[in-house]
Each structure stands twice: as structure tokens, then as C-alpha cells.
PDB file of N, CA and C in Angstrom:
ATOM      1  N   MET A   1      99.577 106.276  87.219  1.00  0.00           N
ATOM      2  CA  MET A   1      99.386 105.042  87.939  1.00  0.00           C
ATOM      3  C   MET A   1      98.740 105.322  89.296  1.00  0.00           C
ATOM      4  N   TYR A   2      97.988 104.344  89.753  1.00  0.00           N
ATOM      5  CA  TYR A   2      97.361 104.396  91.069  1.00  0.00           C
ATOM      6  C   TYR A   2      97.680 103.113  91.808  1.00  0.00           C
ATOM      7  N   TYR A   3      97.711 103.209  93.115  1.00  0.00           N
ATOM      8  CA  TYR A   3      98.118 102.077  93.932  1.00  0.00           C
ATOM      9  C   TYR A   3      97.137 101.845  95.065  1.00  0.00           C
ATOM     10  N   THR A   4      96.840 100.589  95.299  1.00  0.00           N
ATOM     11  CA  THR A   4      96.140 100.181  96.513  1.00  0.00           C
ATOM     12  C   THR A   4      97.215  99.574  97.398  1.00  0.00           C
ATOM     13  N   TYR A   5      97.221  99.969  98.660  1.00  0.00           N
ATOM     14  CA  TYR A   5      98.307  99.528  99.528  1.00  0.00           C
ATOM     15  C   TYR A   5      97.795  99.090 100.892  1.00  0.00           C
ATOM     16  N   VAL A   6      98.606  98.273 101.542  1.00  0.00           N
ATOM     17  CA  VAL A   6      98.358  97.865 102.923  1.00  0.00           C
ATOM     18  C   VAL A   6      99.591  98.265 103.714  1.00  0.00           C
ATOM     19  N   LEU A   7      99.367  99.044 104.762  1.00  0.00           N
ATOM     20  CA  LEU A   7     100.439  99.414 105.676  1.00  0.00           C
ATOM     21  C   LEU A   7     100.306  98.601 106.948  1.00  0.00           C
ATOM     22  N   LYS A   8     101.430  98.384 107.616  1.00  0.00           N
ATOM     23  CA  LYS A   8     101.426  97.702 108.904  1.00  0.00           C
ATOM     24  C   LYS A   8     102.133  98.590 109.919  1.00  0.00           C
ATOM     25  N   SER A   9     101.495  98.764 111.056  1.00  0.00           N
ATOM     26  CA  SER A   9     102.046  99.587 112.123  1.00  0.00           C
ATOM     27  C   SER A   9     103.141  98.832 112.861  1.00  0.00           C
ATOM     28  N   ASP A  10     104.287  99.479 113.028  1.00  0.00           N
ATOM     29  CA  ASP A  10     105.360  98.894 113.842  1.00  0.00           C
ATOM     30  C   ASP A  10     104.996  98.923 115.323  1.00  0.00           C
ATOM     31  N   ARG A  11     104.093  99.811 115.693  1.00  0.00           N
ATOM     32  CA  ARG A  11     103.729  99.982 117.090  1.00  0.00           C
ATOM     33  C   ARG A  11     102.888  98.818 117.619  1.00  0.00           C
ATOM     34  N   ASN A  12     101.857  98.400 116.841  1.00  0.00           N
ATOM     35  CA  ASN A  12     100.988  97.342 117.354  1.00  0.00           C
ATOM     36  C   ASN A  12     100.561  96.323 116.287  1.00  0.00           C
ATOM     37  N   SER A  13     101.222  96.339 115.140  1.00  0.00           N
ATOM     38  CA  SER A  13     100.982  95.374 114.053  1.00  0.00           C
ATOM     39  C   SER A  13      99.594  95.462 113.430  1.00  0.00           C
ATOM     40  N   ARG A  14      98.912  96.589 113.576  1.00  0.00           N
ATOM     41  CA  ARG A  14      97.616  96.770 112.912  1.00  0.00           C
ATOM     42  C   ARG A  14      97.845  97.136 111.460  1.00  0.00           C
ATOM     43  N   TYR A  15      96.810  96.886 110.640  1.00  0.00           N
ATOM     44  CA  TYR A  15      96.881  97.170 109.210  1.00  0.00           C
ATOM     45  C   TYR A  15      96.031  98.389 108.861  1.00  0.00           C
ATOM     46  N   TYR A  16      96.457  99.078 107.813  1.00  0.00           N
ATOM     47  CA  TYR A  16      95.692 100.184 107.246  1.00  0.00           C
ATOM     48  C   TYR A  16      95.685  99.984 105.738  1.00  0.00           C
ATOM     49  N   ILE A  17      94.509 100.095 105.123  1.00  0.00           N
ATOM     50  CA  ILE A  17      94.361  99.918 103.685  1.00  0.00           C
ATOM     51  C   ILE A  17      94.003 101.255 103.075  1.00  0.00           C
ATOM     52  N   GLY A  18      94.668 101.602 101.968  1.00  0.00           N
ATOM     53  CA  GLY A  18      94.385 102.860 101.297  1.00  0.00           C
ATOM     54  C   GLY A  18      94.742 102.795  99.834  1.00  0.00           C
ATOM     55  N   TYR A  19      94.589 103.933  99.152  1.00  0.00           N
ATOM     56  CA  TYR A  19      95.013 104.036  97.755  1.00  0.00           C
ATOM     57  C   TYR A  19      95.622 105.411  97.526  1.00  0.00           C
ATOM     58  N   SER A  20      96.468 105.525  96.512  1.00  0.00           N
ATOM     59  CA  SER A  20      97.134 106.789  96.217  1.00  0.00           C
ATOM     60  C   SER A  20      97.733 106.750  94.821  1.00  0.00           C
ATOM     61  N   SER A  21      98.003 107.921  94.278  1.00  0.00           N
ATOM     62  CA  SER A  21      98.725 107.996  93.011  1.00  0.00           C
ATOM     63  C   SER A  21     100.230 108.134  93.248  1.00  0.00           C
ATOM     64  N   ASP A  22     100.625 108.441  94.469  1.00  0.00           N
ATOM     65  CA  ASP A  22     102.045 108.574  94.820  1.00  0.00           C
ATOM     66  C   ASP A  22     102.269 107.880  96.161  1.00  0.00           C
ATOM     67  N   ILE A  23     102.623 106.634  96.095  1.00  0.00           N
ATOM     68  CA  ILE A  23     102.699 105.828  97.320  1.00  0.00           C
ATOM     69  C   ILE A  23     103.816 106.286  98.257  1.00  0.00           C
ATOM     70  N   LYS A  24     104.943 106.749  97.724  1.00  0.00           N
ATOM     71  CA  LYS A  24     106.036 107.222  98.589  1.00  0.00           C
ATOM     72  C   LYS A  24     105.621 108.478  99.355  1.00  0.00           C
ATOM     73  N   LEU A  25     104.962 109.383  98.668  1.00  0.00           N
ATOM     74  CA  LEU A  25     104.486 110.604  99.323  1.00  0.00           C
ATOM     75  C   LEU A  25     103.397 110.283 100.343  1.00  0.00           C
ATOM     76  N   ARG A  26     102.531 109.354 100.011  1.00  0.00           N
ATOM     77  CA  ARG A  26     101.450 108.965 100.934  1.00  0.00           C
ATOM     78  C   ARG A  26     102.021 108.312 102.192  1.00  0.00           C
ATOM     79  N   LEU A  27     103.012 107.435 102.045  1.00  0.00           N
ATOM     80  CA  LEU A  27     103.646 106.812 103.213  1.00  0.00           C
ATOM     81  C   LEU A  27     104.296 107.885 104.092  1.00  0.00           C
ATOM     82  N   LYS A  28     104.922 108.850 103.451  1.00  0.00           N
ATOM     83  CA  LYS A  28     105.526 109.953 104.211  1.00  0.00           C
ATOM     84  C   LYS A  28     104.459 110.708 105.004  1.00  0.00           C
ATOM     85  N   ALA A  29     103.290 110.920 104.394  1.00  0.00           N
ATOM     86  CA  ALA A  29     102.190 111.606 105.090  1.00  0.00           C
ATOM     87  C   ALA A  29     101.711 110.792 106.289  1.00  0.00           C
ATOM     88  N   HIS A  30     101.589 109.484 106.112  1.00  0.00           N
ATOM     89  CA  HIS A  30     101.182 108.621 107.224  1.00  0.00           C
ATOM     90  C   HIS A  30     102.205 108.693 108.359  1.00  0.00           C
ATOM     91  N   ASN A  31     103.477 108.620 108.029  1.00  0.00           N
ATOM     92  CA  ASN A  31     104.516 108.573 109.056  1.00  0.00           C
ATOM     93  C   ASN A  31     104.842 109.926 109.674  1.00  0.00           C
ATOM     94  N   SER A  32     104.414 111.010 109.041  1.00  0.00           N
ATOM     95  CA  SER A  32     104.658 112.334 109.626  1.00  0.00           C
ATOM     96  C   SER A  32     103.483 112.806 110.479  1.00  0.00           C
ATOM     97  N   GLY A  33     102.415 111.985 110.538  1.00  0.00           N
ATOM     98  CA  GLY A  33     101.276 112.328 111.371  1.00  0.00           C
ATOM     99  C   GLY A  33     100.231 113.184 110.679  1.00  0.00           C
ATOM    100  N   ASN A  34     100.311 113.315 109.364  1.00  0.00           N
ATOM    101  CA  ASN A  34      99.370 114.137 108.608  1.00  0.00           C
ATOM    102  C   ASN A  34      98.077 113.419 108.241  1.00  0.00           C
ATOM    103  N   VAL A  35      97.964 112.145 108.585  1.00  0.00           N
ATOM    104  CA  VAL A  35      96.748 111.378 108.318  1.00  0.00           C
ATOM    105  C   VAL A  35      96.126 111.043 109.672  1.00  0.00           C
ATOM    106  N   VAL A  36      94.964 111.612 109.934  1.00  0.00           N
ATOM    107  CA  VAL A  36      94.316 111.478 111.244  1.00  0.00           C
ATOM    108  C   VAL A  36      94.136 110.004 111.634  1.00  0.00           C
ATOM    109  N   ALA A  37      93.717 109.175 110.701  1.00  0.00           N
ATOM    110  CA  ALA A  37      93.409 107.772 111.001  1.00  0.00           C
ATOM    111  C   ALA A  37      94.630 106.962 111.402  1.00  0.00           C
ATOM    112  N   THR A  38      95.829 107.429 111.056  1.00  0.00           N
ATOM    113  CA  THR A  38      97.016 106.611 111.309  1.00  0.00           C
ATOM    114  C   THR A  38      98.066 107.266 112.201  1.00  0.00           C
ATOM    115  N   LYS A  39      97.855 108.509 112.578  1.00  0.00           N
ATOM    116  CA  LYS A  39      98.932 109.225 113.267  1.00  0.00           C
ATOM    117  C   LYS A  39      99.301 108.646 114.635  1.00  0.00           C
ATOM    118  N   ASN A  40      98.376 107.986 115.320  1.00  0.00           N
ATOM    119  CA  ASN A  40      98.686 107.445 116.643  1.00  0.00           C
ATOM    120  C   ASN A  40      99.352 106.077 116.610  1.00  0.00           C
ATOM    121  N   LEU A  41      99.495 105.497 115.435  1.00  0.00           N
ATOM    122  CA  LEU A  41     100.085 104.159 115.342  1.00  0.00           C
ATOM    123  C   LEU A  41     101.385 104.150 114.541  1.00  0.00           C
ATOM    124  N   ARG A  42     102.012 105.298 114.407  1.00  0.00           N
ATOM    125  CA  ARG A  42     103.269 105.402 113.671  1.00  0.00           C
ATOM    126  C   ARG A  42     104.383 104.681 114.402  1.00  0.00           C
ATOM    127  N   PRO A  43     105.378 104.205 113.693  1.00  0.00           N
ATOM    128  CA  PRO A  43     105.616 104.279 112.258  1.00  0.00           C
ATOM    129  C   PRO A  43     104.922 103.150 111.485  1.00  0.00           C
ATOM    130  N   TRP A  44     104.732 103.403 110.190  1.00  0.00           N
ATOM    131  CA  TRP A  44     104.089 102.458 109.281  1.00  0.00           C
ATOM    132  C   TRP A  44     105.088 101.977 108.243  1.00  0.00           C
ATOM    133  N   LYS A  45     104.903 100.748 107.804  1.00  0.00           N
ATOM    134  CA  LYS A  45     105.699 100.182 106.713  1.00  0.00           C
ATOM    135  C   LYS A  45     104.746  99.593 105.682  1.00  0.00           C
ATOM    136  N   ILE A  46     105.152  99.667 104.434  1.00  0.00           N
ATOM    137  CA  ILE A  46     104.348  99.091 103.359  1.00  0.00           C
ATOM    138  C   ILE A  46     104.477  97.574 103.399  1.00  0.00           C
ATOM    139  N   SER A  47     103.329  96.890 103.465  1.00  0.00           N
ATOM    140  CA  SER A  47     103.306  95.429 103.463  1.00  0.00           C
ATOM    141  C   SER A  47     102.840  94.857 102.135  1.00  0.00           C
ATOM    142  N   TYR A  48     102.081  95.665 101.380  1.00  0.00           N
ATOM    143  CA  TYR A  48     101.468  95.150 100.161  1.00  0.00           C
ATOM    144  C   TYR A  48     101.104  96.309  99.242  1.00  0.00           C
ATOM    145  N   VAL A  49     101.314  96.113  97.936  1.00  0.00           N
ATOM    146  CA  VAL A  49     100.964  97.135  96.942  1.00  0.00           C
ATOM    147  C   VAL A  49     100.442  96.453  95.687  1.00  0.00           C
ATOM    148  N   GLU A  50      99.376  97.005  95.124  1.00  0.00           N
ATOM    149  CA  GLU A  50      98.885  96.625  93.802  1.00  0.00           C
ATOM    150  C   GLU A  50      98.845  97.883  92.949  1.00  0.00           C
ATOM    151  N   GLU A  51      99.175  97.750  91.681  1.00  0.00           N
ATOM    152  CA  GLU A  51      99.227  98.883  90.763  1.00  0.00           C
ATOM    153  C   GLU A  51      98.048  98.826  89.786  1.00  0.00           C
ATOM    154  N   PHE A  52      97.467  99.999  89.499  1.00  0.00           N
ATOM    155  CA  PHE A  52      96.326 100.097  88.592  1.00  0.00           C
ATOM    156  C   PHE A  52      96.511 101.275  87.649  1.00  0.00           C
ATOM    157  N   GLN A  53      96.003 101.147  86.440  1.00  0.00           N
ATOM    158  CA  GLN A  53      96.009 102.241  85.467  1.00  0.00           C
ATOM    159  C   GLN A  53      94.920 103.260  85.795  1.00  0.00           C
ATOM    160  N   ASP A  54      93.819 102.786  86.318  1.00  0.00           N
ATOM    161  CA  ASP A  54      92.640 103.606  86.531  1.00  0.00           C
ATOM    162  C   ASP A  54      92.398 103.843  88.021  1.00  0.00           C
ATOM    163  N   GLU A  55      92.127 105.086  88.398  1.00  0.00           N
ATOM    164  CA  GLU A  55      91.877 105.409  89.799  1.00  0.00           C
ATOM    165  C   GLU A  55      90.672 104.646  90.348  1.00  0.00           C
ATOM    166  N   GLY A  56      89.637 104.509  89.540  1.00  0.00           N
ATOM    167  CA  GLY A  56      88.442 103.789  89.974  1.00  0.00           C
ATOM    168  C   GLY A  56      88.737 102.343  90.332  1.00  0.00           C
ATOM    169  N   ASP A  57      89.634 101.714  89.598  1.00  0.00           N
ATOM    170  CA  ASP A  57      90.009 100.334  89.900  1.00  0.00           C
ATOM    171  C   ASP A  57      90.763 100.240  91.235  1.00  0.00           C
ATOM    172  N   ALA A  58      91.626 101.209  91.493  1.00  0.00           N
ATOM    173  CA  ALA A  58      92.360 101.231  92.769  1.00  0.00           C
ATOM    174  C   ALA A  58      91.404 101.435  93.940  1.00  0.00           C
ATOM    175  N   ILE A  59      90.426 102.319  93.764  1.00  0.00           N
ATOM    176  CA  ILE A  59      89.436 102.571  94.815  1.00  0.00           C
ATOM    177  C   ILE A  59      88.591 101.328  95.050  1.00  0.00           C
ATOM    178  N   ALA A  60      88.178 100.681  93.965  1.00  0.00           N
ATOM    179  CA  ALA A  60      87.363  99.464  94.093  1.00  0.00           C
ATOM    180  C   ALA A  60      88.123  98.375  94.826  1.00  0.00           C
ATOM    181  N   ARG A  61      89.418  98.230  94.539  1.00  0.00           N
ATOM    182  CA  ARG A  61      90.219  97.204  95.216  1.00  0.00           C
ATOM    183  C   ARG A  61      90.397  97.556  96.694  1.00  0.00           C
ATOM    184  N   GLU A  62      90.614  98.829  96.992  1.00  0.00           N
ATOM    185  CA  GLU A  62      90.718  99.261  98.384  1.00  0.00           C
ATOM    186  C   GLU A  62      89.441  98.895  99.144  1.00  0.00           C
ATOM    187  N   ARG A  63      88.298  99.200  98.562  1.00  0.00           N
ATOM    188  CA  ARG A  63      87.021  98.897  99.212  1.00  0.00           C
ATOM    189  C   ARG A  63      86.821  97.393  99.382  1.00  0.00           C
ATOM    190  N   GLN A  64      87.252  96.623  98.381  1.00  0.00           N
ATOM    191  CA  GLN A  64      87.121  95.172  98.477  1.00  0.00           C
ATOM    192  C   GLN A  64      87.936  94.633  99.658  1.00  0.00           C
ATOM    193  N   ILE A  65      89.176  95.050  99.760  1.00  0.00           N
ATOM    194  CA  ILE A  65      90.037  94.571 100.853  1.00  0.00           C
ATOM    195  C   ILE A  65      89.472  95.020 102.194  1.00  0.00           C
ATOM    196  N   LYS A  66      89.025  96.271 102.297  1.00  0.00           N
ATOM    197  CA  LYS A  66      88.436  96.762 103.542  1.00  0.00           C
ATOM    198  C   LYS A  66      87.174  95.992 103.912  1.00  0.00           C
ATOM    199  N   SER A  67      86.432  95.539 102.926  1.00  0.00           N
ATOM    200  CA  SER A  67      85.177  94.824 103.199  1.00  0.00           C
ATOM    201  C   SER A  67      85.415  93.458 103.827  1.00  0.00           C
ATOM    202  N   TRP A  68      86.609  92.915 103.673  1.00  0.00           N
ATOM    203  CA  TRP A  68      86.907  91.607 104.262  1.00  0.00           C
ATOM    204  C   TRP A  68      86.830  91.647 105.778  1.00  0.00           C
ATOM    205  N   LYS A  69      87.241  92.748 106.377  1.00  0.00           N
ATOM    206  CA  LYS A  69      87.202  92.922 107.837  1.00  0.00           C
ATOM    207  C   LYS A  69      87.822  91.739 108.585  1.00  0.00           C
ATOM    208  N   SER A  70      88.818  91.158 107.967  1.00  0.00           N
ATOM    209  CA  SER A  70      89.457  89.987 108.554  1.00  0.00           C
ATOM    210  C   SER A  70      90.970  90.125 108.466  1.00  0.00           C
ATOM    211  N   ARG A  71      91.597  90.126 109.599  1.00  0.00           N
ATOM    212  CA  ARG A  71      93.056  90.185 109.646  1.00  0.00           C
ATOM    213  C   ARG A  71      93.657  88.995 108.907  1.00  0.00           C
ATOM    214  N   ASN A  72      93.046  87.817 109.070  1.00  0.00           N
ATOM    215  CA  ASN A  72      93.559  86.619 108.406  1.00  0.00           C
ATOM    216  C   ASN A  72      93.528  86.754 106.891  1.00  0.00           C
ATOM    217  N   ALA A  73      92.456  87.327 106.350  1.00  0.00           N
ATOM    218  CA  ALA A  73      92.348  87.509 104.903  1.00  0.00           C
ATOM    219  C   ALA A  73      93.417  88.478 104.397  1.00  0.00           C
ATOM    220  N   ILE A  74      93.653  89.552 105.132  1.00  0.00           N
ATOM    221  CA  ILE A  74      94.679  90.517 104.744  1.00  0.00           C
ATOM    222  C   ILE A  74      96.064  89.881 104.817  1.00  0.00           C
ATOM    223  N   GLU A  75      96.329  89.130 105.864  1.00  0.00           N
ATOM    224  CA  GLU A  75      97.627  88.474 105.988  1.00  0.00           C
ATOM    225  C   GLU A  75      97.829  87.415 104.907  1.00  0.00           C
ATOM    226  N   LYS A  76      96.765  86.741 104.512  1.00  0.00           N
ATOM    227  CA  LYS A  76      96.853  85.764 103.425  1.00  0.00           C
ATOM    228  C   LYS A  76      97.180  86.484 102.110  1.00  0.00           C
ATOM    229  N   LEU A  77      96.568  87.633 101.873  1.00  0.00           N
ATOM    230  CA  LEU A  77      96.850  88.435 100.693  1.00  0.00           C
ATOM    231  C   LEU A  77      98.332  88.822 100.653  1.00  0.00           C
ATOM    232  N   ILE A  78      98.841  89.324 101.763  1.00  0.00           N
ATOM    233  CA  ILE A  78     100.241  89.738 101.858  1.00  0.00           C
ATOM    234  C   ILE A  78     101.168  88.539 101.667  1.00  0.00           C
ATOM    235  N   PHE A  79     100.881  87.446 102.339  1.00  0.00           N
ATOM    236  CA  PHE A  79     101.710  86.247 102.254  1.00  0.00           C
ATOM    237  C   PHE A  79     101.775  85.732 100.823  1.00  0.00           C
ATOM    238  N   ASN A  80     100.628  85.639 100.155  1.00  0.00           N
ATOM    239  CA  ASN A  80     100.595  85.121  98.787  1.00  0.00           C
ATOM    240  C   ASN A  80     101.301  86.046  97.810  1.00  0.00           C
ATOM    241  N   LYS A  81     101.192  87.346  98.010  1.00  0.00           N
ATOM    242  CA  LYS A  81     101.883  88.302  97.145  1.00  0.00           C
ATOM    243  C   LYS A  81     103.389  88.159  97.318  1.00  0.00           C
ATOM    244  N   ASN A  82     103.828  87.996  98.551  1.00  0.00           N
ATOM    245  CA  ASN A  82     105.252  87.843  98.821  1.00  0.00           C
ATOM    246  C   ASN A  82     105.818  86.532  98.293  1.00  0.00           C
ATOM    247  N   ARG A  83     104.936  85.546  98.099  1.00  0.00           N
ATOM    248  CA  ARG A  83     105.359  84.265  97.540  1.00  0.00           C
ATOM    249  C   ARG A  83     105.317  84.259  96.006  1.00  0.00           C
ATOM    250  N   GLY A  84     104.834  85.362  95.412  1.00  0.00           N
ATOM    251  CA  GLY A  84     104.820  85.458  93.968  1.00  0.00           C
ATOM    252  C   GLY A  84     103.497  85.160  93.312  1.00  0.00           C
ATOM    253  N   SER A  85     102.465  84.884  94.090  1.00  0.00           N
ATOM    254  CA  SER A  85     101.136  84.679  93.523  1.00  0.00           C
ATOM    255  C   SER A  85     100.216  85.763  94.033  1.00  0.00           C
ATOM    256  N   SER A  86      99.055  85.892  93.424  1.00  0.00           N
ATOM    257  CA  SER A  86      98.132  86.942  93.863  1.00  0.00           C
ATOM    258  C   SER A  86      96.736  86.404  94.039  1.00  0.00           C
ATOM    259  N   ILE A  87      95.948  87.140  94.805  1.00  0.00           N
ATOM    260  CA  ILE A  87      94.553  86.816  95.045  1.00  0.00           C
ATOM    261  C   ILE A  87      93.714  87.934  94.448  1.00  0.00           C
ATOM    262  N   SER A  88      92.682  87.611  93.766  1.00  0.00           N
ATOM    263  CA  SER A  88      91.803  88.642  93.207  1.00  0.00           C
ATOM    264  C   SER A  88      90.518  88.713  93.982  1.00  0.00           C
TER     265      SER A  88
END
């Protein structure tokens, strides 16, 4: 399995979008400072996760979410997922 995820920084409420085959291990890497892009905004919490069978699909979804470049769009994605519906 592969996952596309959105993390939220407890420090300043910024979002980070990524993908991984082991989301628990990846979150640990983000929070231990092993990821250059996120080490200064620790701690991070998972706000959103999508599961995929294929790595290419997870990467494509990560790129799609990153292409939005809109905090509002990301927050809408998270809000709708938490309400039980999804956005494609």
C-alpha cells in the first residue's frame, strides 16, 4: 500500500503534502528532524490520508494536491474527508 498524506505543523499551522509506503515511519522521520523540508516546523500531525494500491497513483495524487497551491483547497479536502465524503 501507498499513502498520500497531509501533515499540519503544530508550530505555525502550515501544511506539508507527501507520499509514503509506511506512513507511521514517515511521520516519525518528519518529527525527528530527518526531513530537511519539515524539520524547522516540528511537531507535525497527520491531517489527511488517502490509500493507494499503486505507487504511481499516490505520487500523482500528491502532485495534484501540491499543484493547488491553495490553503483553502487543502483545508476543504481535509474538512470533507473528516465529514465522510471525498474530493477527487
